[in-house]
Protein backbone atom coordinates (compact mmCIF):
# COMPACT_ATOMS: atom_id res chain seq x y z
CA MET A 1 67.19 72.11 -26.05
CA LYS A 2 63.83 70.52 -26.82
CA ARG A 3 63.84 66.78 -27.16
CA THR A 4 61.72 65.69 -30.10
CA ALA A 5 62.51 62.00 -30.46
CA LYS A 6 61.09 59.56 -27.97
CA SER A 7 62.69 56.25 -27.23
CA LEU A 8 60.94 53.10 -28.35
CA ASP A 9 60.18 52.24 -24.73
CA GLU A 10 58.54 55.62 -24.24
CA MET A 11 56.45 55.24 -27.39
CA LEU A 12 55.30 51.71 -26.72
CA GLY A 13 55.19 51.79 -22.96
CA PRO A 14 56.00 48.78 -20.85
CA ILE A 15 55.36 45.42 -22.47
CA PRO A 16 52.87 43.43 -20.38
CA GLU A 17 54.20 40.24 -18.82
CA THR A 18 51.47 38.22 -20.56
CA VAL A 19 52.75 39.36 -23.96
CA LYS A 20 56.34 38.56 -23.00
CA ASN A 21 55.27 35.05 -21.92
CA GLU A 22 53.28 34.48 -25.10
CA VAL A 23 56.22 35.48 -27.29
CA GLU A 24 58.64 33.31 -25.32
CA LEU A 25 56.34 30.27 -25.56
CA SER A 26 55.83 30.80 -29.29
CA PHE A 27 59.57 30.83 -29.91
CA GLN A 28 60.11 27.77 -27.68
CA ILE A 29 57.51 25.85 -29.68
CA SER A 30 58.99 26.85 -33.02
CA ASP A 31 62.49 25.97 -31.78
CA ARG A 32 61.24 22.54 -30.67
CA ILE A 33 59.61 21.84 -34.04
CA ASN A 34 62.76 22.95 -35.84
CA GLU A 35 64.90 20.73 -33.60
CA LEU A 36 62.74 17.65 -34.20
CA MET A 37 62.56 18.35 -37.91
CA HIS A 38 66.34 18.56 -38.15
CA GLN A 39 66.78 15.39 -36.05
CA ARG A 40 64.87 13.62 -38.82
CA GLY A 41 66.97 15.35 -41.47
CA MET A 42 63.90 16.95 -43.02
CA THR A 43 63.76 20.15 -45.00
CA LYS A 44 60.77 22.46 -44.63
CA LYS A 45 59.46 21.20 -47.95
CA GLN A 46 59.80 17.53 -46.97
CA PHE A 47 58.19 18.21 -43.59
CA ALA A 48 55.28 20.04 -45.21
CA GLU A 49 54.74 17.23 -47.73
CA ALA A 50 54.84 14.57 -45.00
CA LEU A 51 52.09 16.44 -43.13
CA GLY A 52 50.06 17.33 -46.21
CA ARG A 53 50.61 21.02 -45.55
CA ARG A 54 51.95 23.90 -47.62
CA PRO A 55 55.60 24.91 -47.10
CA SER A 56 54.39 28.45 -46.33
CA GLU A 57 52.47 27.08 -43.33
CA VAL A 58 55.59 25.37 -42.01
CA THR A 59 57.48 28.63 -42.48
CA LYS A 60 54.88 30.35 -40.28
CA TRP A 61 55.26 27.64 -37.65
CA LEU A 62 59.02 28.08 -37.60
CA SER A 63 58.82 31.89 -37.46
CA GLY A 64 57.84 31.90 -33.80
CA GLN A 65 54.81 34.04 -34.57
CA HIS A 66 52.19 31.36 -35.21
CA ASN A 67 49.36 30.87 -32.72
CA PHE A 68 49.19 27.07 -32.46
CA THR A 69 45.98 25.26 -31.69
CA ILE A 70 45.94 22.27 -29.37
CA ALA A 71 44.90 20.15 -32.37
CA THR A 72 47.98 21.21 -34.36
CA LEU A 73 50.30 20.61 -31.39
CA GLY A 74 48.73 17.16 -30.92
CA MET A 75 49.17 16.36 -34.61
CA LEU A 76 52.82 17.45 -34.53
CA SER A 77 53.49 15.45 -31.35
CA ALA A 78 51.98 12.35 -32.97
CA PHE A 79 54.04 12.89 -36.14
CA PHE A 80 57.30 13.15 -34.22
CA GLY A 81 56.35 10.57 -31.59
CA GLN A 82 57.47 13.08 -28.96
CA PRO A 83 55.76 15.94 -27.18
CA ILE A 84 56.12 19.42 -28.63
CA VAL A 85 55.00 20.99 -25.36
CA THR A 86 55.18 19.50 -21.89
CA VAL A 87 53.08 20.68 -18.99
CA GLY A 88 54.09 19.87 -15.54
């Protein structure tokens, strides 16, 4: 019998390690922001207002798919008074 459907892995091929690392870091950053936001008891709307940003931007940050700049990470670290990312 002829096989017509390919598996997702066959269609996409192996996922490069660099992409896996990027995705993992993105989700770790968004999880950290979400954790700090909840420690302060802030909703997305309150958080956005406190930063002078749109709620849709905060939603992107928390999605795990936003490509953060160093400037944004520095601003968020200053806001929370704690690092978002640690290097060591």
